[in-house]
C-alpha atoms as a PDB file:
ATOM      1  CA  UNK A   1     -17.802  -4.473   6.950  1.00  0.00           C
ATOM      2  CA  UNK A   2     -16.197  -1.126   5.399  1.00  0.00           C
ATOM      3  CA  UNK A   3     -15.842  -0.463   1.431  1.00  0.00           C
ATOM      4  CA  UNK A   4     -12.348  -0.066   0.167  1.00  0.00           C
ATOM      5  CA  UNK A   5     -11.304   2.534  -2.626  1.00  0.00           C
ATOM      6  CA  UNK A   6      -7.930   1.449  -4.417  1.00  0.00           C
ATOM      7  CA  UNK A   7      -6.182   4.362  -6.210  1.00  0.00           C
ATOM      8  CA  UNK A   8      -4.405   2.624  -8.785  1.00  0.00           C
ATOM      9  CA  UNK A   9      -4.693  -0.354 -11.314  1.00  0.00           C
ATOM     10  CA  UNK A  10      -1.449  -2.444 -11.245  1.00  0.00           C
ATOM     11  CA  UNK A  11      -0.232  -5.481  -9.639  1.00  0.00           C
ATOM     12  CA  UNK A  12      -0.415  -4.226  -6.017  1.00  0.00           C
ATOM     13  CA  UNK A  13      -3.610  -2.603  -6.649  1.00  0.00           C
ATOM     14  CA  UNK A  14      -5.013  -5.818  -8.166  1.00  0.00           C
ATOM     15  CA  UNK A  15      -3.557  -8.088  -5.759  1.00  0.00           C
ATOM     16  CA  UNK A  16      -4.942  -6.011  -2.715  1.00  0.00           C
ATOM     17  CA  UNK A  17      -8.087  -5.813  -4.137  1.00  0.00           C
ATOM     18  CA  UNK A  18      -8.278  -9.559  -4.490  1.00  0.00           C
ATOM     19  CA  UNK A  19      -6.988  -9.996  -0.983  1.00  0.00           C
ATOM     20  CA  UNK A  20      -9.898  -7.406   0.129  1.00  0.00           C
ATOM     21  CA  UNK A  21     -12.632  -9.118  -1.879  1.00  0.00           C
ATOM     22  CA  UNK A  22     -11.503 -12.622  -0.531  1.00  0.00           C
ATOM     23  CA  UNK A  23     -12.007 -11.268   3.081  1.00  0.00           C
ATOM     24  CA  UNK A  24     -15.591 -10.024   2.278  1.00  0.00           C
ATOM     25  CA  UNK A  25     -14.966  -6.514   1.314  1.00  0.00           C
ATOM     26  CA  UNK A  26     -16.645  -4.566  -1.498  1.00  0.00           C
ATOM     27  CA  UNK A  27     -13.954  -3.000  -3.317  1.00  0.00           C
ATOM     28  CA  UNK A  28     -13.721  -0.236  -6.140  1.00  0.00           C
ATOM     29  CA  UNK A  29     -10.242   0.204  -8.245  1.00  0.00           C
ATOM     30  CA  UNK A  30      -9.616   3.581  -9.619  1.00  0.00           C
ATOM     31  CA  UNK A  31      -8.006   4.136 -12.731  1.00  0.00           C
ATOM     32  CA  UNK A  32      -7.379   6.508 -15.654  1.00  0.00           C
ATOM     33  CA  UNK A  33      -8.332   4.106 -17.959  1.00  0.00           C
ATOM     34  CA  UNK A  34     -11.603   1.800 -17.107  1.00  0.00           C
ATOM     35  CA  UNK A  35     -11.049  -0.369 -20.165  1.00  0.00           C
ATOM     36  CA  UNK A  36      -7.738  -1.723 -18.694  1.00  0.00           C
ATOM     37  CA  UNK A  37      -9.297  -3.460 -15.793  1.00  0.00           C
ATOM     38  CA  UNK A  38     -12.208  -5.004 -17.465  1.00  0.00           C
ATOM     39  CA  UNK A  39     -10.725  -8.481 -17.056  1.00  0.00           C
ATOM     40  CA  UNK A  40      -9.764  -7.926 -13.474  1.00  0.00           C
ATOM     41  CA  UNK A  41     -13.375  -6.878 -12.773  1.00  0.00           C
ATOM     42  CA  UNK A  42     -14.944  -9.691 -14.682  1.00  0.00           C
ATOM     43  CA  UNK A  43     -12.919 -12.490 -12.595  1.00  0.00           C
ATOM     44  CA  UNK A  44     -13.005 -10.713  -9.437  1.00  0.00           C
ATOM     45  CA  UNK A  45     -16.945 -11.087  -9.351  1.00  0.00           C
ATOM     46  CA  UNK A  46     -19.809  -9.061  -7.732  1.00  0.00           C
ATOM     47  CA  UNK A  47     -17.842  -7.119  -4.967  1.00  0.00           C
ATOM     48  CA  UNK A  48     -15.690  -5.535  -7.379  1.00  0.00           C
ATOM     49  CA  UNK A  49     -16.046  -2.329  -9.154  1.00  0.00           C
ATOM     50  CA  UNK A  50     -14.069   0.178 -11.279  1.00  0.00           C
ATOM     51  CA  UNK A  51     -14.344   3.862 -11.389  1.00  0.00           C
ATOM     52  CA  UNK A  52     -11.935   7.266 -11.504  1.00  0.00           C
ATOM     53  CA  UNK A  53      -9.646   7.976  -8.873  1.00  0.00           C
ATOM     54  CA  UNK A  54     -12.261  10.573  -7.453  1.00  0.00           C
ATOM     55  CA  UNK A  55     -15.019   7.703  -7.586  1.00  0.00           C
ATOM     56  CA  UNK A  56     -12.737   5.109  -5.698  1.00  0.00           C
ATOM     57  CA  UNK A  57     -11.874   7.282  -2.934  1.00  0.00           C
ATOM     58  CA  UNK A  58     -15.170   8.759  -2.966  1.00  0.00           C
ATOM     59  CA  UNK A  59     -16.576   5.031  -2.226  1.00  0.00           C
ATOM     60  CA  UNK A  60     -14.067   4.059  -0.057  1.00  0.00           C
ATOM     61  CA  UNK A  61     -14.782   3.990   3.645  1.00  0.00           C
ATOM     62  CA  UNK A  62     -10.671   3.093   3.696  1.00  0.00           C
ATOM     63  CA  UNK A  63      -8.460   4.089   0.752  1.00  0.00           C
ATOM     64  CA  UNK A  64      -5.637   2.294  -0.297  1.00  0.00           C
ATOM     65  CA  UNK A  65      -3.110   4.325  -2.633  1.00  0.00           C
ATOM     66  CA  UNK A  66      -1.388   2.137  -4.779  1.00  0.00           C
ATOM     67  CA  UNK A  67       0.676   3.829  -7.714  1.00  0.00           C
ATOM     68  CA  UNK A  68       3.903   4.216  -8.282  1.00  0.00           C
ATOM     69  CA  UNK A  69       5.588   6.935  -5.760  1.00  0.00           C
ATOM     70  CA  UNK A  70       6.371   9.490  -8.321  1.00  0.00           C
ATOM     71  CA  UNK A  71       2.624   9.265  -9.553  1.00  0.00           C
ATOM     72  CA  UNK A  72       1.330   9.730  -5.867  1.00  0.00           C
ATOM     73  CA  UNK A  73       0.924  13.398  -5.490  1.00  0.00           C
ATOM     74  CA  UNK A  74      -1.017  13.522  -8.850  1.00  0.00           C
ATOM     75  CA  UNK A  75      -3.281  10.643  -8.174  1.00  0.00           C
ATOM     76  CA  UNK A  76      -4.549  12.015  -4.648  1.00  0.00           C
ATOM     77  CA  UNK A  77      -4.860  15.138  -6.668  1.00  0.00           C
ATOM     78  CA  UNK A  78      -7.362  13.724  -8.898  1.00  0.00           C
ATOM     79  CA  UNK A  79      -8.920  11.718  -5.866  1.00  0.00           C
ATOM     80  CA  UNK A  80      -9.916  15.153  -4.637  1.00  0.00           C
ATOM     81  CA  UNK A  81      -9.080  16.071  -0.870  1.00  0.00           C
ATOM     82  CA  UNK A  82     -12.957  16.187   0.012  1.00  0.00           C
ATOM     83  CA  UNK A  83     -13.015  12.241  -0.574  1.00  0.00           C
ATOM     84  CA  UNK A  84      -9.859  11.672   1.503  1.00  0.00           C
ATOM     85  CA  UNK A  85     -10.530  13.849   4.758  1.00  0.00           C
ATOM     86  CA  UNK A  86     -11.102  11.817   7.846  1.00  0.00           C
ATOM     87  CA  UNK A  87     -10.337   8.234   6.176  1.00  0.00           C
ATOM     88  CA  UNK A  88      -7.608   5.828   6.878  1.00  0.00           C
ATOM     89  CA  UNK A  89      -5.081   6.097   3.563  1.00  0.00           C
ATOM     90  CA  UNK A  90      -3.088   2.887   3.396  1.00  0.00           C
ATOM     91  CA  UNK A  91      -0.074   4.133   1.724  1.00  0.00           C
ATOM     92  CA  UNK A  92       1.903   1.426  -0.254  1.00  0.00           C
ATOM     93  CA  UNK A  93       4.252   3.964  -2.279  1.00  0.00           C
ATOM     94  CA  UNK A  94       8.074   3.907  -2.560  1.00  0.00           C
ATOM     95  CA  UNK A  95       9.820   6.989  -3.752  1.00  0.00           C
ATOM     96  CA  UNK A  96      11.469   5.075  -6.757  1.00  0.00           C
ATOM     97  CA  UNK A  97      13.881   7.335  -8.952  1.00  0.00           C
ATOM     98  CA  UNK A  98      15.151   5.263 -11.450  1.00  0.00           C
ATOM     99  CA  UNK A  99      16.889   1.617 -12.060  1.00  0.00           C
ATOM    100  CA  UNK A 100      19.079  -0.257  -9.627  1.00  0.00           C
ATOM    101  CA  UNK A 101      22.403   0.369  -9.333  1.00  0.00           C
ATOM    102  CA  UNK A 102      24.342  -2.867  -8.072  1.00  0.00           C
ATOM    103  CA  UNK A 103      20.914  -4.159  -6.805  1.00  0.00           C
ATOM    104  CA  UNK A 104      20.169  -0.908  -4.986  1.00  0.00           C
ATOM    105  CA  UNK A 105      17.245   1.516  -5.642  1.00  0.00           C
ATOM    106  CA  UNK A 106      17.739   5.261  -6.102  1.00  0.00           C
ATOM    107  CA  UNK A 107      15.364   7.266  -4.071  1.00  0.00           C
ATOM    108  CA  UNK A 108      14.102  10.877  -5.084  1.00  0.00           C
ATOM    109  CA  UNK A 109      13.486  11.775  -1.217  1.00  0.00           C
ATOM    110  CA  UNK A 110      16.439  12.565   1.167  1.00  0.00           C
ATOM    111  CA  UNK A 111      17.463  10.507   4.011  1.00  0.00           C
ATOM    112  CA  UNK A 112      15.839  12.502   6.480  1.00  0.00           C
ATOM    113  CA  UNK A 113      12.310  12.588   4.957  1.00  0.00           C
ATOM    114  CA  UNK A 114       9.908  10.305   3.240  1.00  0.00           C
ATOM    115  CA  UNK A 115       7.366  10.234   0.703  1.00  0.00           C
ATOM    116  CA  UNK A 116       4.524   9.679   3.251  1.00  0.00           C
ATOM    117  CA  UNK A 117       5.433  12.530   5.230  1.00  0.00           C
ATOM    118  CA  UNK A 118       5.197  14.729   2.119  1.00  0.00           C
ATOM    119  CA  UNK A 119       1.729  13.110   1.592  1.00  0.00           C
ATOM    120  CA  UNK A 120       0.583  13.654   5.041  1.00  0.00           C
ATOM    121  CA  UNK A 121       1.727  17.344   4.892  1.00  0.00           C
ATOM    122  CA  UNK A 122      -0.507  18.160   1.944  1.00  0.00           C
ATOM    123  CA  UNK A 123      -3.449  16.134   3.276  1.00  0.00           C
ATOM    124  CA  UNK A 124      -3.552  16.837   6.874  1.00  0.00           C
ATOM    125  CA  UNK A 125      -6.985  15.606   7.715  1.00  0.00           C
ATOM    126  CA  UNK A 126      -6.508  12.248   6.200  1.00  0.00           C
ATOM    127  CA  UNK A 127      -4.645   9.736   8.453  1.00  0.00           C
ATOM    128  CA  UNK A 128      -2.084   7.909   6.315  1.00  0.00           C
ATOM    129  CA  UNK A 129      -0.634   4.454   7.301  1.00  0.00           C
ATOM    130  CA  UNK A 130       2.420   3.137   5.859  1.00  0.00           C
ATOM    131  CA  UNK A 131       1.947  -0.356   4.865  1.00  0.00           C
ATOM    132  CA  UNK A 132       2.559  -3.270   2.066  1.00  0.00           C
ATOM    133  CA  UNK A 133       5.746  -1.437   0.526  1.00  0.00           C
ATOM    134  CA  UNK A 134       8.499  -3.879   1.742  1.00  0.00           C
ATOM    135  CA  UNK A 135       6.741  -6.977   0.173  1.00  0.00           C
ATOM    136  CA  UNK A 136       5.874  -8.027  -3.416  1.00  0.00           C
ATOM    137  CA  UNK A 137       2.334  -8.113  -4.857  1.00  0.00           C
ATOM    138  CA  UNK A 138       2.259 -12.203  -4.866  1.00  0.00           C
ATOM    139  CA  UNK A 139       2.817 -12.420  -1.370  1.00  0.00           C
ATOM    140  CA  UNK A 140       0.663  -9.791   0.006  1.00  0.00           C
ATOM    141  CA  UNK A 141      -2.291 -11.616   0.995  1.00  0.00           C
ATOM    142  CA  UNK A 142      -2.208 -14.596   3.069  1.00  0.00           C
ATOM    143  CA  UNK A 143       1.332 -15.745   2.314  1.00  0.00           C
ATOM    144  CA  UNK A 144       2.701 -19.170   3.400  1.00  0.00           C
ATOM    145  CA  UNK A 145       6.084 -19.439   4.988  1.00  0.00           C
ATOM    146  CA  UNK A 146       8.216 -21.979   7.318  1.00  0.00           C
ATOM    147  CA  UNK A 147       8.747 -19.495   9.568  1.00  0.00           C
ATOM    148  CA  UNK A 148       5.325 -18.436  10.452  1.00  0.00           C
ATOM    149  CA  UNK A 149       3.564 -14.988   9.695  1.00  0.00           C
ATOM    150  CA  UNK A 150       6.073 -12.360   8.246  1.00  0.00           C
ATOM    151  CA  UNK A 151       6.244  -8.609  10.037  1.00  0.00           C
ATOM    152  CA  UNK A 152       4.464  -6.251   8.322  1.00  0.00           C
ATOM    153  CA  UNK A 153       5.989  -2.936   9.379  1.00  0.00           C
ATOM    154  CA  UNK A 154       3.662   0.148   9.704  1.00  0.00           C
ATOM    155  CA  UNK A 155       3.772   3.738  10.960  1.00  0.00           C
ATOM    156  CA  UNK A 156       1.556   6.920  10.840  1.00  0.00           C
ATOM    157  CA  UNK A 157       0.376   9.734  13.262  1.00  0.00           C
ATOM    158  CA  UNK A 158      -3.303   8.394  14.030  1.00  0.00           C
ATOM    159  CA  UNK A 159      -3.505   5.544  16.263  1.00  0.00           C
ATOM    160  CA  UNK A 160      -6.922   4.472  15.352  1.00  0.00           C
ATOM    161  CA  UNK A 161      -6.181   4.216  11.597  1.00  0.00           C
ATOM    162  CA  UNK A 162      -2.983   2.237  12.578  1.00  0.00           C
ATOM    163  CA  UNK A 163      -5.317  -0.095  14.309  1.00  0.00           C
ATOM    164  CA  UNK A 164      -7.533  -0.453  11.584  1.00  0.00           C
ATOM    165  CA  UNK A 165      -4.746  -1.563   9.355  1.00  0.00           C
ATOM    166  CA  UNK A 166      -3.516  -3.836  11.833  1.00  0.00           C
ATOM    167  CA  UNK A 167      -6.754  -5.509  11.965  1.00  0.00           C
ATOM    168  CA  UNK A 168      -6.383  -5.670   8.174  1.00  0.00           C
ATOM    169  CA  UNK A 169      -2.996  -7.208   8.276  1.00  0.00           C
ATOM    170  CA  UNK A 170      -3.976  -9.974  10.767  1.00  0.00           C
ATOM    171  CA  UNK A 171      -6.673 -11.025   7.887  1.00  0.00           C
ATOM    172  CA  UNK A 172      -4.058 -11.127   5.367  1.00  0.00           C
ATOM    173  CA  UNK A 173      -1.826 -13.550   7.193  1.00  0.00           C
ATOM    174  CA  UNK A 174       0.948 -10.724   8.554  1.00  0.00           C
ATOM    175  CA  UNK A 175       2.103  -9.803  11.920  1.00  0.00           C
ATOM    176  CA  UNK A 176       1.598  -5.862  12.046  1.00  0.00           C
ATOM    177  CA  UNK A 177       4.493  -4.194  13.902  1.00  0.00           C
ATOM    178  CA  UNK A 178       3.637  -0.415  14.843  1.00  0.00           C
ATOM    179  CA  UNK A 179       7.069   1.624  14.374  1.00  0.00           C
ATOM    180  CA  UNK A 180       5.467   4.784  15.377  1.00  0.00           C
ATOM    181  CA  UNK A 181       4.648   8.192  13.676  1.00  0.00           C
ATOM    182  CA  UNK A 182       4.868   9.566  10.238  1.00  0.00           C
ATOM    183  CA  UNK A 183       8.526  10.240  10.548  1.00  0.00           C
ATOM    184  CA  UNK A 184       9.064   6.221  10.787  1.00  0.00           C
ATOM    185  CA  UNK A 185       8.241   6.239   6.775  1.00  0.00           C
ATOM    186  CA  UNK A 186      11.901   7.361   6.477  1.00  0.00           C
ATOM    187  CA  UNK A 187      12.764   4.077   7.598  1.00  0.00           C
ATOM    188  CA  UNK A 188       9.974   1.915   6.607  1.00  0.00           C
ATOM    189  CA  UNK A 189      10.108   3.138   2.746  1.00  0.00           C
ATOM    190  CA  UNK A 190      13.727   2.289   2.804  1.00  0.00           C
ATOM    191  CA  UNK A 191      12.916  -1.356   3.259  1.00  0.00           C
ATOM    192  CA  UNK A 192      11.993  -1.561  -0.166  1.00  0.00           C
ATOM    193  CA  UNK A 193      15.455  -0.884  -1.275  1.00  0.00           C
ATOM    194  CA  UNK A 194      16.526  -3.745   1.069  1.00  0.00           C
ATOM    195  CA  UNK A 195      13.631  -6.381   0.110  1.00  0.00           C
ATOM    196  CA  UNK A 196      14.550  -5.509  -3.613  1.00  0.00           C
ATOM    197  CA  UNK A 197      18.523  -6.171  -3.652  1.00  0.00           C
ATOM    198  CA  UNK A 198      18.024 -10.519  -3.367  1.00  0.00           C
ATOM    199  CA  UNK A 199      15.357  -9.721  -6.303  1.00  0.00           C
ATOM    200  CA  UNK A 200      17.829  -7.906  -8.509  1.00  0.00           C
ATOM    201  CA  UNK A 201      20.645  -9.933  -7.771  1.00  0.00           C
ATOM    202  CA  UNK A 202      19.140 -13.380  -7.653  1.00  0.00           C
ATOM    203  CA  UNK A 203      16.004 -12.985  -9.122  1.00  0.00           C
ATOM    204  CA  UNK A 204      14.238 -14.269  -5.843  1.00  0.00           C
ATOM    205  CA  UNK A 205      11.307 -12.136  -5.198  1.00  0.00           C
ATOM    206  CA  UNK A 206       8.759 -13.983  -2.675  1.00  0.00           C
ATOM    207  CA  UNK A 207      10.803 -13.578   0.637  1.00  0.00           C
ATOM    208  CA  UNK A 208       9.669 -11.266   3.463  1.00  0.00           C
ATOM    209  CA  UNK A 209      10.948  -9.422   6.633  1.00  0.00           C
ATOM    210  CA  UNK A 210      10.544 -11.150  10.258  1.00  0.00           C
ATOM    211  CA  UNK A 211      11.049  -9.270  13.534  1.00  0.00           C
ATOM    212  CA  UNK A 212      12.193 -11.774  15.936  1.00  0.00           C
ATOM    213  CA  UNK A 213      12.037 -10.663  19.929  1.00  0.00           C
ATOM    214  CA  UNK A 214      13.191 -12.484  23.174  1.00  0.00           C
END
């Protein structure tokens, strides 16, 4: 089973780290401050380890980018391009620019571009797949809904990388739906805005999207 390197140490990084460990993967979380992850590592067990961003990226056969959108470029730079080349990069980030206005988050990207497109252009030899950006961390791993598996929309340029991520989503209890190339991240990233509106307006944060087809 492939090793997972996670760049980040917040709620999303820990939730996904726990999920990968639950499904038998070895996981290394990357952080600027290893002390803040001491408790997580102790609770996560022998398959969990902690390192710098560079050490996590080097460790992972698959890399997960789980930082705030404005920190994504700096975090990848610290991870080092040589540790990213040729790897699947699961990009969970959203380009959030500030607090919501009437429940709607502002983004620092324009309508006809996306954060993932910018990251893919900076690291052309890595295989970015947008994923896990349109649901909250408490329901990222094996959520239980009355309507069945929620749909997780993904996109990216590399078919093999998307197939790899789709298999992970199956393990994690989601129905993957491939929206196409990296340009589709413009729509997939915008789903975070839509997902957050009930949260800000109604303090409801456990919902998910479901694509229905005839």
